[in-house]
Amino acid sequence: MWLFALVLSSVTTFTALAGQPPSPPVVDTAQGRVLGKYVSLEGFAQPVAVFLGVPFARPPLGSLRFAPPQPAEPWIFVKNTTSYPPMCSQDPVAGQVISELFTNRKENINLRFSEDCLYLNIYTPADLRKRSRLPVMVWIHGGGLMLGGASTYDGLALSAHENVVVVTVQYRLGIWGFFSTGDEHSRGNWGHLDQLAALHWVQENIANFGGDPGSVTIFGESAGGESVSILVLSPLSKNLFHRAISESGVALTSVLVKKDMKATAKKIAVFAGCKSTTSAVLVHCLRQKTEDELLEVTLKMSSPFLPTVLDGVLLPKMPEEILAEKNFHPVPYVVGINKQECGWILPMFMGYSFSEGKLDQKTATSFVWKSYPILNIHEELTPVATDKYLGGMDNPAIKKDLFLDLIADGMFGVPSVNVARRHRDAGAPTYMYEFQYHPSFSSGMKPKTVMGDHGDELFSVFGAPFVKDGASEEETNLSKMVMKFWANFAQNGNPNGEGLPPWPVYDQKEGHLQIGVTTQAAEKLKDKEVAFWNELLSKEAAKKPPQLKHAEL
């Protein structure tokens, strides 16, 4: 026994001297203690403490389905938080595809799906034996508010390289996260309330993980970027974060924000076999359904988007009104898009089929009309849009690319610039970027000519070249630069720093940064396109919304 103790003591001493703490990390939270694990990244003496699947709310089951999240129940033992939590309920096939397309992980993780999914992952480079106060970066994943999960994104490289605490959070998706009857029985926006609950948890607990609750940056991509933008506008998020980054998604991305979803609630009732005589009856019936039964309902819907809704609580008015009134949190804000948002992934998911990669004007116009829920362009105005983008071009292959530019501008480019302008006009420090690079980690099916597809910046933001193999020196340096920009912004509210290309503030000159093989400042991002779309949408606003069925793409 004495000999065993001596050997153990020697091993412990050696491990500590080598930079590895002598035992796995255990941290106190308000609910109880959590056990994590240390993970080392090549080139860094200090390992990162990783905690996976930390509960920030009670499981949203039974009467808590379609209800605001409640604080997690306390526990008395040390909770093992060293394995990935289940992703929130969603189409498992599409969820798997999304995860594999966007992950920066080297290994594939075993995906599980459950309604019990309100967990977060923490990556902290802090020496937990000391009282550190590092900037905190809270990641909100994308996936159209219906797909995705926290564990797709490994925060190890960003945390180690930039000395920041990275938190990746999960939130209810699809029917579970955004079902709304438009009244007090099911207001909707449950997924956004989950995001707020995670931010409250961070305020209460992150100091014990070496993070500074007074320096929290929320950042997200696609529907995660839209979520960030919604939280900037929401009165409920006051003092929960101090900086924000929206990558390829904002509160004006119309497909993700609607005034009400009563018609969709009735469709869900039909698919679920529930009576919709009153909201109370419908909600009670849906609460009795199993998780699998609700998943079946999701798979039956031709347009599965269940968006953010005007609920009068989280979102007191529509985003355009809140922005116009300048009644939002004027935190420093980075807003960005990718050069070809509809380069490959989104057209594939949206089901646009091009004959031999080509497109004619008539088909393009019909596609725009079928995309009404995404673009909000009335049938009479669709030829105006297609003529603006495709007019005068005879080459059908180029027509296809111009059509995809049209969709990308309507979904991402124009809304992002409009949000950045409103933010700037409210006096808040604002920065814009356009990402223009083809990552080596992209799917082999993606054409090499696509520069800056939807989600392509994620590999740079999360340091994929330092976690996966095979990146070139150029791509590795790009990722180093992007991580440094993001972390500088998280620390100071300004992305600029020593050794980095200068990134102009987004003022009346509308300077922004083009990020890619050559990273340089430019001006007037999407200026002409924004002018065209704003005029088109002002005409659209004067029309009554159509009652026809669309977008069964």
Protein backbone atom coordinates (compact mmCIF):
# COMPACT_ATOMS: atom_id res chain seq x y z
CA MET A 1 0.00 0.00 0.00
CA TRP A 2 2.85 2.35 0.98
CA LEU A 3 4.66 1.57 -2.29
CA PHE A 4 1.48 2.20 -4.30
CA ALA A 5 1.06 5.59 -2.57
CA LEU A 6 4.66 6.52 -3.38
CA VAL A 7 4.26 5.59 -7.05
CA LEU A 8 0.96 7.51 -7.25
CA SER A 9 2.61 10.53 -5.65
CA SER A 10 5.47 10.41 -8.18
CA VAL A 11 3.08 10.16 -11.12
CA THR A 12 1.01 13.05 -9.77
CA THR A 13 4.11 15.22 -9.32
CA PHE A 14 5.39 14.42 -12.81
CA THR A 15 2.01 15.17 -14.41
CA ALA A 16 1.73 18.49 -12.62
CA LEU A 17 5.27 19.46 -13.63
CA ALA A 18 4.50 18.59 -17.25
CA GLY A 19 1.73 21.20 -17.28
CA GLN A 20 -1.10 18.73 -16.78
CA PRO A 21 -3.06 19.32 -13.56
CA PRO A 22 -2.89 16.29 -11.25
CA SER A 23 -6.58 15.37 -11.43
CA PRO A 24 -9.63 16.00 -13.62
CA PRO A 25 -11.30 19.38 -13.15
CA VAL A 26 -14.21 19.67 -10.72
CA VAL A 27 -16.11 22.96 -10.56
CA ASP A 28 -18.93 24.21 -8.34
CA THR A 29 -22.11 25.50 -9.99
CA ALA A 30 -25.27 26.86 -8.37
CA GLN A 31 -26.93 23.46 -8.91
CA GLY A 32 -24.03 21.24 -7.84
CA ARG A 33 -20.49 20.16 -8.72
CA VAL A 34 -19.49 19.05 -12.23
CA LEU A 35 -16.60 16.84 -13.30
CA GLY A 36 -14.91 17.61 -16.61
CA LYS A 37 -11.78 16.48 -18.43
CA TYR A 38 -8.56 18.07 -19.60
CA VAL A 39 -7.84 18.07 -23.33
CA SER A 40 -4.50 19.19 -24.74
CA LEU A 41 -3.93 20.93 -28.05
CA GLU A 42 -0.59 20.57 -29.78
CA GLY A 43 1.69 23.52 -29.04
CA PHE A 44 -0.02 24.55 -25.80
CA ALA A 45 1.39 23.65 -22.37
CA GLN A 46 -1.83 24.52 -20.54
CA PRO A 47 -4.62 22.05 -21.37
CA VAL A 48 -8.21 23.16 -21.84
CA ALA A 49 -10.75 22.02 -19.25
CA VAL A 50 -13.80 20.67 -21.09
CA PHE A 51 -17.24 20.15 -19.57
CA LEU A 52 -19.83 18.50 -21.83
CA GLY A 53 -23.56 18.30 -21.21
CA VAL A 54 -23.91 20.68 -18.27
CA PRO A 55 -27.66 21.18 -17.62
CA PHE A 56 -28.78 24.82 -17.58
CA ALA A 57 -32.52 24.12 -17.31
CA ARG A 58 -34.92 21.37 -16.31
CA PRO A 59 -35.79 18.87 -19.06
CA PRO A 60 -38.65 20.54 -21.00
CA LEU A 61 -40.96 17.53 -20.75
CA GLY A 62 -44.63 17.04 -19.88
CA SER A 63 -46.18 20.32 -18.75
CA LEU A 64 -42.88 22.08 -19.58
CA ARG A 65 -43.33 21.31 -23.28
CA PHE A 66 -44.36 24.62 -24.96
CA ALA A 67 -43.48 26.48 -21.75
CA PRO A 68 -40.62 28.75 -20.63
CA PRO A 69 -37.53 26.88 -19.39
CA GLN A 70 -37.19 26.38 -15.64
CA PRO A 71 -33.91 26.37 -13.66
CA ALA A 72 -32.13 23.03 -13.50
CA GLU A 73 -32.80 20.90 -10.42
CA PRO A 74 -29.89 20.80 -7.93
CA TRP A 75 -27.87 17.61 -7.40
CA ILE A 76 -25.82 16.47 -4.43
CA PHE A 77 -23.28 14.19 -6.12
CA VAL A 78 -20.50 15.23 -8.52
CA LYS A 79 -22.13 15.17 -11.98
CA ASN A 80 -20.01 13.57 -14.70
CA THR A 81 -19.97 16.03 -17.62
CA THR A 82 -17.50 14.34 -19.94
CA SER A 83 -19.78 13.04 -22.71
CA TYR A 84 -21.75 14.85 -25.38
CA PRO A 85 -25.39 15.59 -24.56
CA PRO A 86 -28.17 14.52 -26.93
CA MET A 87 -29.07 17.08 -29.58
CA CYS A 88 -32.57 18.55 -29.42
CA SER A 89 -35.33 16.62 -31.22
CA GLN A 90 -35.17 17.06 -34.99
CA ASP A 91 -35.18 15.14 -38.26
CA PRO A 92 -32.32 12.72 -37.47
CA VAL A 93 -31.22 12.27 -41.09
CA ALA A 94 -31.02 16.01 -41.83
CA GLY A 95 -29.47 16.59 -38.39
CA GLN A 96 -26.70 14.09 -39.14
CA VAL A 97 -26.03 15.69 -42.54
CA ILE A 98 -25.85 19.22 -41.09
CA SER A 99 -23.50 18.09 -38.33
CA GLU A 100 -21.14 16.35 -40.74
CA LEU A 101 -21.11 19.30 -43.16
CA PHE A 102 -20.33 21.93 -40.53
CA THR A 103 -18.27 20.18 -37.87
CA ASN A 104 -14.69 21.20 -37.17
CA ARG A 105 -14.10 17.94 -35.28
CA LYS A 106 -11.59 15.37 -36.41
CA GLU A 107 -13.65 12.44 -35.13
CA ASN A 108 -17.31 11.71 -35.81
CA ILE A 109 -19.41 11.86 -32.67
CA ASN A 110 -22.27 9.49 -32.00
CA LEU A 111 -25.37 11.65 -32.47
CA ARG A 112 -28.36 11.12 -30.22
CA PHE A 113 -31.58 13.12 -30.24
CA SER A 114 -33.92 13.83 -27.36
CA GLU A 115 -36.49 16.28 -26.09
CA ASP A 116 -34.36 16.37 -22.93
CA CYS A 117 -31.63 18.51 -24.48
CA LEU A 118 -31.13 21.76 -22.55
CA TYR A 119 -27.40 21.38 -21.97
CA LEU A 120 -24.30 23.41 -22.73
CA ASN A 121 -20.63 22.61 -23.29
CA ILE A 122 -17.79 24.65 -21.78
CA TYR A 123 -14.17 24.96 -22.94
CA THR A 124 -11.95 26.92 -20.56
CA PRO A 125 -8.19 27.46 -20.80
CA ALA A 126 -8.12 29.02 -17.33
CA ASP A 127 -6.05 27.52 -14.54
CA LEU A 128 -9.00 26.59 -12.33
CA ARG A 129 -6.79 26.69 -9.24
CA LYS A 130 -6.61 30.47 -9.66
CA ARG A 131 -9.29 33.15 -10.04
CA SER A 132 -9.11 34.06 -13.73
CA ARG A 133 -11.42 36.53 -15.49
CA LEU A 134 -11.30 35.60 -19.17
CA PRO A 135 -13.65 36.86 -21.91
CA VAL A 136 -16.59 34.52 -22.51
CA MET A 137 -17.87 33.62 -25.99
CA VAL A 138 -21.30 31.96 -26.07
CA TRP A 139 -22.04 30.13 -29.35
CA ILE A 140 -25.58 29.71 -30.71
CA HIS A 141 -25.66 27.12 -33.49
CA GLY A 142 -27.54 27.41 -36.79
CA GLY A 143 -29.85 25.05 -38.65
CA GLY A 144 -32.96 27.04 -39.56
CA LEU A 145 -34.29 26.85 -35.97
CA MET A 146 -35.11 23.21 -36.73
CA LEU A 147 -31.73 21.40 -36.94
CA GLY A 148 -28.31 21.41 -35.30
CA GLY A 149 -26.66 21.06 -31.92
CA ALA A 150 -23.91 22.42 -29.69
CA SER A 151 -21.52 19.48 -29.95
CA THR A 152 -21.00 19.84 -33.71
CA TYR A 153 -18.67 22.72 -32.80
CA ASP A 154 -15.50 21.95 -30.86
CA GLY A 155 -14.42 25.06 -28.93
CA LEU A 156 -10.98 23.63 -28.10
CA ALA A 157 -8.85 25.50 -30.67
CA LEU A 158 -10.58 28.88 -30.25
CA SER A 159 -10.33 28.59 -26.47
CA ALA A 160 -6.65 27.52 -26.41
CA HIS A 161 -5.40 29.91 -29.09
CA GLU A 162 -7.22 33.00 -27.87
CA ASN A 163 -7.43 32.41 -24.11
CA VAL A 164 -11.21 32.75 -24.02
CA VAL A 165 -13.91 30.64 -22.37
CA VAL A 166 -16.11 29.15 -25.11
CA VAL A 167 -19.64 28.02 -24.26
CA THR A 168 -21.78 26.22 -26.87
CA VAL A 169 -25.49 26.05 -26.04
CA GLN A 170 -28.50 24.04 -27.16
CA TYR A 171 -32.08 25.21 -27.48
CA ARG A 172 -35.37 23.60 -28.45
CA LEU A 173 -35.94 23.38 -32.20
CA GLY A 174 -38.83 22.97 -34.63
CA ILE A 175 -42.24 22.25 -33.09
CA TRP A 176 -40.69 21.85 -29.64
CA GLY A 177 -38.92 25.20 -29.82
CA PHE A 178 -41.18 27.46 -31.86
CA PHE A 179 -44.77 26.15 -31.87
CA SER A 180 -47.08 29.13 -31.40
CA THR A 181 -50.84 29.55 -31.12
CA GLY A 182 -50.41 33.33 -30.97
CA ASP A 183 -51.89 33.61 -27.47
CA GLU A 184 -51.09 32.85 -23.82
CA HIS A 185 -51.52 29.09 -24.30
CA SER A 186 -48.38 28.80 -26.43
CA ARG A 187 -46.72 32.10 -27.24
CA GLY A 188 -43.81 30.45 -29.01
CA ASN A 189 -40.12 31.43 -29.10
CA TRP A 190 -39.33 28.69 -26.57
CA GLY A 191 -35.96 28.14 -28.23
CA HIS A 192 -35.02 31.80 -27.75
CA LEU A 193 -36.12 31.62 -24.12
CA ASP A 194 -33.78 28.62 -23.76
CA GLN A 195 -30.96 30.77 -25.14
CA LEU A 196 -31.77 33.41 -22.52
CA ALA A 197 -31.83 30.74 -19.80
CA ALA A 198 -28.34 29.63 -20.88
CA LEU A 199 -27.14 33.26 -20.69
CA HIS A 200 -28.62 33.59 -17.17
CA TRP A 201 -26.76 30.39 -16.23
CA VAL A 202 -23.54 31.86 -17.62
CA GLN A 203 -24.01 35.02 -15.53
CA GLU A 204 -24.49 32.95 -12.39
CA ASN A 205 -21.82 30.31 -12.90
CA ILE A 206 -19.13 31.16 -15.46
CA ALA A 207 -16.83 32.90 -12.94
CA ASN A 208 -16.13 29.48 -11.39
CA PHE A 209 -14.88 28.32 -14.80
CA GLY A 210 -12.46 31.25 -15.09
CA GLY A 211 -14.81 33.40 -17.18
CA ASP A 212 -15.79 37.03 -16.71
CA PRO A 213 -19.59 37.43 -16.48
CA GLY A 214 -19.04 41.12 -17.26
CA SER A 215 -17.48 40.29 -20.65
CA VAL A 216 -19.84 37.99 -22.53
CA THR A 217 -20.02 37.92 -26.34
CA ILE A 218 -22.84 36.04 -28.05
CA PHE A 219 -22.06 34.77 -31.54
CA GLY A 220 -23.91 32.53 -33.95
CA GLU A 221 -24.29 31.51 -37.58
CA SER A 222 -27.36 31.34 -39.83
CA ALA A 223 -30.35 30.80 -37.50
CA GLY A 224 -27.81 31.27 -34.70
CA GLY A 225 -26.90 34.67 -36.19
CA GLU A 226 -30.61 35.49 -36.39
CA SER A 227 -30.96 34.42 -32.74
CA VAL A 228 -28.11 36.74 -31.74
CA SER A 229 -29.82 39.57 -33.63
CA ILE A 230 -33.17 38.83 -31.93
CA LEU A 231 -31.48 38.85 -28.51
CA VAL A 232 -29.93 42.25 -29.30
CA LEU A 233 -33.48 43.52 -29.92
CA SER A 234 -35.18 41.80 -26.98
CA PRO A 235 -35.86 43.65 -23.72
CA LEU A 236 -35.49 40.32 -21.87
CA SER A 237 -31.75 40.07 -22.57
CA LYS A 238 -30.65 43.25 -20.79
CA ASN A 239 -27.23 42.89 -19.10
CA LEU A 240 -26.86 39.26 -20.19
CA PHE A 241 -24.19 40.00 -22.84
CA HIS A 242 -21.93 42.87 -23.85
CA ARG A 243 -20.99 42.23 -27.50
CA ALA A 244 -22.56 40.34 -30.39
CA ILE A 245 -21.57 38.68 -33.69
CA SER A 246 -24.11 37.59 -36.33
CA GLU A 247 -22.65 35.40 -39.07
CA SER A 248 -24.96 34.96 -42.09
CA GLY A 249 -28.26 35.60 -40.35
CA VAL A 250 -30.05 38.55 -38.74
CA ALA A 251 -33.48 39.46 -37.38
CA LEU A 252 -34.53 40.78 -40.80
CA THR A 253 -33.95 37.37 -42.42
CA SER A 254 -37.64 37.08 -43.23
CA VAL A 255 -37.92 33.29 -43.43
CA LEU A 256 -36.93 33.08 -39.75
CA VAL A 257 -39.27 35.77 -38.35
CA LYS A 258 -43.05 35.97 -38.80
CA LYS A 259 -45.84 38.09 -37.32
CA ASP A 260 -47.96 35.08 -36.39
CA MET A 261 -48.15 31.36 -37.08
CA LYS A 262 -51.81 30.58 -36.32
CA ALA A 263 -52.35 29.00 -39.76
CA THR A 264 -49.35 26.73 -39.23
CA ALA A 265 -50.64 25.79 -35.76
CA LYS A 266 -53.87 24.59 -37.39
CA LYS A 267 -51.91 22.52 -39.94
CA ILE A 268 -49.93 20.95 -37.10
CA ALA A 269 -53.22 20.13 -35.37
CA VAL A 270 -54.45 18.31 -38.48
CA PHE A 271 -51.22 16.33 -38.91
CA ALA A 272 -51.17 15.45 -35.20
CA GLY A 273 -54.82 14.42 -35.12
CA CYS A 274 -55.66 17.11 -32.56
CA LYS A 275 -58.77 19.28 -32.38
CA SER A 276 -58.07 22.99 -32.73
CA THR A 277 -61.40 24.28 -31.39
CA THR A 278 -59.45 26.37 -28.88
CA SER A 279 -55.75 26.98 -28.30
CA ALA A 280 -55.99 25.38 -24.86
CA VAL A 281 -57.45 22.17 -26.32
CA LEU A 282 -54.80 22.02 -29.05
CA VAL A 283 -51.86 22.61 -26.69
CA HIS A 284 -53.17 20.03 -24.21
CA CYS A 285 -53.49 17.48 -27.03
CA LEU A 286 -49.98 18.15 -28.37
CA ARG A 287 -48.51 17.77 -24.88
CA GLN A 288 -49.90 14.23 -24.78
CA LYS A 289 -48.10 13.25 -28.00
CA THR A 290 -44.85 11.31 -27.81
CA GLU A 291 -41.61 12.76 -29.10
CA ASP A 292 -41.75 10.37 -32.08
CA GLU A 293 -45.31 11.42 -32.90
CA LEU A 294 -44.28 15.08 -33.02
CA LEU A 295 -41.28 14.16 -35.17
CA GLU A 296 -43.69 12.45 -37.58
CA VAL A 297 -45.70 15.67 -37.76
CA THR A 298 -42.51 17.57 -38.59
CA LEU A 299 -41.65 15.19 -41.41
CA LYS A 300 -45.15 15.52 -42.91
CA MET A 301 -44.96 19.32 -43.19
CA SER A 302 -44.09 20.59 -46.67
CA SER A 303 -42.43 23.70 -45.23
CA PRO A 304 -40.98 22.71 -41.85
CA PHE A 305 -39.87 26.23 -40.85
CA LEU A 306 -41.28 27.28 -37.48
CA PRO A 307 -39.81 30.72 -36.99
CA THR A 308 -39.40 33.40 -34.36
CA VAL A 309 -42.80 35.03 -33.81
CA LEU A 310 -44.09 38.35 -32.57
CA ASP A 311 -45.04 37.21 -29.05
CA GLY A 312 -45.26 40.56 -27.26
CA VAL A 313 -42.78 39.36 -24.63
CA LEU A 314 -39.40 38.31 -26.03
CA LEU A 315 -40.21 40.27 -29.19
CA PRO A 316 -42.58 43.15 -28.32
CA LYS A 317 -42.70 44.45 -31.92
CA MET A 318 -41.51 43.25 -35.31
CA PRO A 319 -37.72 43.61 -35.74
CA GLU A 320 -37.99 46.37 -38.38
CA GLU A 321 -40.04 48.50 -35.95
CA ILE A 322 -37.64 47.97 -33.03
CA LEU A 323 -34.69 48.82 -35.30
CA ALA A 324 -36.41 51.94 -36.69
CA GLU A 325 -37.19 53.15 -33.16
CA LYS A 326 -33.57 52.43 -32.07
CA ASN A 327 -35.01 50.74 -29.00
CA PHE A 328 -32.47 47.93 -28.56
CA HIS A 329 -29.20 47.11 -26.80
CA PRO A 330 -26.51 49.27 -28.50
CA VAL A 331 -23.72 46.76 -27.87
CA PRO A 332 -20.71 46.57 -30.21
CA TYR A 333 -21.84 44.38 -33.10
CA VAL A 334 -20.17 42.45 -35.94
CA VAL A 335 -22.47 41.54 -38.84
CA GLY A 336 -21.17 39.43 -41.71
CA ILE A 337 -22.09 37.44 -44.78
CA ASN A 338 -20.34 35.01 -47.09
CA LYS A 339 -19.69 35.83 -50.72
CA GLN A 340 -21.80 32.97 -52.12
CA GLU A 341 -24.37 32.19 -49.42
CA CYS A 342 -26.31 30.08 -51.93
CA GLY A 343 -23.24 28.54 -53.52
CA TRP A 344 -24.09 24.92 -52.78
CA ILE A 345 -25.45 23.82 -49.37
CA LEU A 346 -28.68 25.85 -49.29
CA PRO A 347 -29.82 25.11 -52.87
CA MET A 348 -29.27 21.43 -52.06
CA PHE A 349 -31.41 21.63 -48.91
CA MET A 350 -34.04 23.82 -50.56
CA GLY A 351 -34.42 21.38 -53.43
CA TYR A 352 -33.74 23.73 -56.35
CA SER A 353 -33.18 21.45 -59.33
CA PHE A 354 -31.21 22.83 -62.26
CA SER A 355 -31.13 20.98 -65.57
CA GLU A 356 -27.42 20.32 -66.20
CA GLY A 357 -26.55 23.21 -63.89
CA LYS A 358 -28.41 25.69 -66.10
CA LEU A 359 -31.45 27.93 -65.74
CA ASP A 360 -33.69 29.94 -68.03
CA GLN A 361 -35.49 33.19 -67.17
CA LYS A 362 -38.98 31.68 -66.98
CA THR A 363 -37.93 28.91 -64.59
CA ALA A 364 -36.01 31.42 -62.47
CA THR A 365 -39.12 33.59 -62.14
CA SER A 366 -41.22 30.59 -61.06
CA PHE A 367 -38.54 29.62 -58.51
CA VAL A 368 -38.62 33.14 -57.04
CA TRP A 369 -42.42 32.93 -56.67
CA LYS A 370 -42.20 29.49 -55.05
CA SER A 371 -39.69 31.04 -52.66
CA TYR A 372 -42.26 33.57 -51.38
CA PRO A 373 -41.89 32.51 -47.69
CA ILE A 374 -38.13 33.06 -48.00
CA LEU A 375 -38.04 36.28 -50.03
CA ASN A 376 -41.49 37.89 -49.52
CA ILE A 377 -41.73 38.91 -53.20
CA HIS A 378 -45.28 38.93 -54.59
CA GLU A 379 -45.95 37.11 -57.87
CA GLU A 380 -46.43 40.36 -59.82
CA LEU A 381 -43.00 41.58 -58.75
CA THR A 382 -41.00 38.40 -59.34
CA PRO A 383 -40.22 39.28 -62.98
CA VAL A 384 -38.79 42.61 -61.76
CA ALA A 385 -36.34 40.76 -59.52
CA THR A 386 -35.31 38.16 -62.10
CA ASP A 387 -34.91 40.81 -64.80
CA LYS A 388 -32.68 42.88 -62.52
CA TYR A 389 -30.37 39.95 -61.79
CA LEU A 390 -30.62 37.81 -64.93
CA GLY A 391 -31.71 40.27 -67.62
CA GLY A 392 -29.35 40.59 -70.58
CA MET A 393 -27.53 37.35 -69.77
CA ASP A 394 -27.89 34.60 -72.37
CA ASN A 395 -25.56 31.99 -70.86
CA PRO A 396 -27.87 29.59 -68.91
CA ALA A 397 -25.05 28.40 -66.61
CA ILE A 398 -24.27 31.99 -65.58
CA LYS A 399 -28.03 32.64 -65.25
CA LYS A 400 -28.12 29.89 -62.61
CA ASP A 401 -25.35 31.60 -60.61
CA LEU A 402 -27.08 34.99 -60.90
CA PHE A 403 -30.34 33.44 -59.69
CA LEU A 404 -28.52 32.03 -56.66
CA ASP A 405 -27.07 35.51 -56.02
CA LEU A 406 -30.65 36.83 -56.05
CA ILE A 407 -31.75 34.31 -53.41
CA ALA A 408 -28.61 34.93 -51.31
CA ASP A 409 -29.07 38.71 -51.38
CA GLY A 410 -32.73 38.41 -50.40
CA MET A 411 -32.05 35.99 -47.55
CA PHE A 412 -28.75 37.28 -46.19
CA GLY A 413 -26.96 40.14 -47.94
CA VAL A 414 -29.66 42.81 -47.91
CA PRO A 415 -31.08 42.03 -44.43
CA SER A 416 -27.55 42.02 -42.96
CA VAL A 417 -26.65 45.41 -44.42
CA ASN A 418 -29.98 46.87 -43.30
CA VAL A 419 -29.43 45.62 -39.73
CA ALA A 420 -25.84 46.94 -39.69
CA ARG A 421 -27.04 50.35 -40.88
CA ARG A 422 -29.74 50.54 -38.20
CA HIS A 423 -27.24 49.52 -35.54
CA ARG A 424 -24.73 52.10 -36.74
CA ASP A 425 -27.41 54.82 -36.84
CA ALA A 426 -28.24 54.08 -33.19
CA GLY A 427 -24.66 55.01 -32.32
CA ALA A 428 -23.42 51.50 -31.56
CA PRO A 429 -19.94 50.40 -32.73
CA THR A 430 -20.59 48.26 -35.81
CA TYR A 431 -18.33 46.17 -38.07
CA MET A 432 -19.14 44.24 -41.25
CA TYR A 433 -17.30 41.52 -43.17
CA GLU A 434 -17.68 39.40 -46.29
CA PHE A 435 -16.03 35.98 -46.14
CA GLN A 436 -14.56 34.80 -49.46
CA TYR A 437 -12.80 31.45 -49.13
CA HIS A 438 -13.27 27.77 -50.08
CA PRO A 439 -12.27 25.65 -47.05
CA SER A 440 -10.46 22.38 -47.68
CA PHE A 441 -12.82 20.81 -45.13
CA SER A 442 -15.88 21.43 -47.33
CA SER A 443 -17.77 18.51 -48.79
CA GLY A 444 -16.06 17.03 -51.85
CA MET A 445 -19.37 17.46 -53.68
CA LYS A 446 -19.13 21.25 -53.44
CA PRO A 447 -17.72 22.83 -56.62
CA LYS A 448 -14.20 24.22 -56.10
CA THR A 449 -15.32 27.49 -57.69
CA VAL A 450 -17.66 28.29 -54.76
CA MET A 451 -15.92 30.90 -52.59
CA GLY A 452 -17.70 31.56 -49.32
CA ASP A 453 -20.65 29.18 -49.25
CA HIS A 454 -23.12 29.29 -46.35
CA GLY A 455 -21.23 28.14 -43.25
CA ASP A 456 -17.75 28.21 -44.81
CA GLU A 457 -16.41 30.71 -42.24
CA LEU A 458 -17.13 28.25 -39.40
CA PHE A 459 -13.98 26.25 -40.16
CA SER A 460 -11.88 29.38 -39.64
CA VAL A 461 -13.81 30.67 -36.60
CA PHE A 462 -13.46 27.36 -34.75
CA GLY A 463 -9.88 26.64 -35.80
CA ALA A 464 -10.52 23.51 -37.88
CA PRO A 465 -6.91 23.48 -39.22
CA PHE A 466 -5.71 22.94 -35.63
CA VAL A 467 -8.14 20.11 -34.90
CA LYS A 468 -8.39 18.33 -38.26
CA ASP A 469 -5.55 17.29 -40.56
CA GLY A 470 -4.78 18.42 -44.08
CA ALA A 471 -5.03 22.22 -44.05
CA SER A 472 -2.58 24.28 -46.09
CA GLU A 473 -0.41 26.98 -44.51
CA GLU A 474 -2.66 29.56 -46.19
CA GLU A 475 -5.79 28.09 -44.60
CA THR A 476 -4.09 27.71 -41.21
CA ASN A 477 -3.04 31.37 -41.25
CA LEU A 478 -6.54 32.43 -42.30
CA SER A 479 -8.02 30.59 -39.32
CA LYS A 480 -5.45 32.14 -36.96
CA MET A 481 -6.41 35.58 -38.23
CA VAL A 482 -10.17 35.02 -37.99
CA MET A 483 -9.92 33.59 -34.46
CA LYS A 484 -7.81 36.60 -33.47
CA PHE A 485 -10.34 39.07 -34.95
CA TRP A 486 -13.24 37.36 -33.16
CA ALA A 487 -11.39 37.14 -29.83
CA ASN A 488 -10.15 40.74 -29.99
CA PHE A 489 -13.74 41.80 -30.51
CA ALA A 490 -14.86 39.62 -27.58
CA GLN A 491 -12.26 41.25 -25.37
CA ASN A 492 -12.44 44.89 -26.48
CA GLY A 493 -15.51 45.39 -28.65
CA ASN A 494 -13.09 46.07 -31.52
CA PRO A 495 -11.65 43.32 -33.77
CA ASN A 496 -8.48 45.23 -34.64
CA GLY A 497 -5.11 44.33 -33.18
CA GLU A 498 -1.39 44.17 -33.76
CA GLY A 499 -0.33 42.30 -36.89
CA LEU A 500 -3.84 42.14 -38.35
CA PRO A 501 -5.15 43.82 -41.51
CA PRO A 502 -7.03 46.98 -40.48
CA TRP A 503 -10.79 46.45 -40.18
CA PRO A 504 -12.67 49.75 -40.61
CA VAL A 505 -15.61 50.61 -38.40
CA TYR A 506 -18.92 50.53 -40.29
CA ASP A 507 -19.76 54.24 -40.47
CA GLN A 508 -21.33 56.41 -43.19
CA LYS A 509 -18.57 55.30 -45.59
CA GLU A 510 -19.75 51.72 -44.96
CA GLY A 511 -16.26 50.29 -44.74
CA HIS A 512 -16.05 46.53 -44.22
CA LEU A 513 -13.49 43.74 -44.37
CA GLN A 514 -13.19 41.21 -47.19
CA ILE A 515 -11.76 38.06 -45.56
CA GLY A 516 -10.06 35.47 -47.76
CA VAL A 517 -6.83 34.70 -49.60
CA THR A 518 -6.35 38.46 -49.66
CA THR A 519 -7.89 40.19 -46.66
CA GLN A 520 -8.52 43.88 -47.22
CA ALA A 521 -10.86 46.75 -46.46
CA ALA A 522 -13.55 47.74 -48.96
CA GLU A 523 -16.60 50.01 -48.97
CA LYS A 524 -20.34 49.88 -49.72
CA LEU A 525 -21.03 46.15 -49.32
CA LYS A 526 -24.11 45.23 -51.43
CA ASP A 527 -24.93 48.94 -51.78
CA LYS A 528 -26.72 48.71 -55.17
CA GLU A 529 -28.46 45.47 -54.27
CA VAL A 530 -29.76 46.95 -51.00
CA ALA A 531 -31.16 49.99 -52.83
CA PHE A 532 -32.95 47.73 -55.32
CA TRP A 533 -34.37 45.35 -52.71
CA ASN A 534 -35.48 48.09 -50.33
CA GLU A 535 -37.46 49.72 -53.15
CA LEU A 536 -38.90 46.35 -54.22
CA LEU A 537 -39.92 45.42 -50.67
CA SER A 538 -41.53 48.82 -50.10
CA LYS A 539 -43.78 48.02 -53.08
CA GLU A 540 -44.34 44.55 -51.64
CA ALA A 541 -45.38 46.01 -48.27
CA ALA A 542 -48.26 47.82 -49.98
CA LYS A 543 -49.68 44.51 -51.20
CA LYS A 544 -51.85 42.04 -49.31
CA PRO A 545 -49.95 38.81 -48.49
CA PRO A 546 -50.99 36.00 -50.83
CA GLN A 547 -53.08 33.11 -49.49
CA LEU A 548 -51.69 30.53 -51.91
CA LYS A 549 -49.52 27.58 -50.97
CA HIS A 550 -45.81 27.98 -51.72
CA ALA A 551 -42.32 26.74 -51.28
CA GLU A 552 -42.86 23.02 -51.48
CA LEU A 553 -39.32 22.93 -52.75
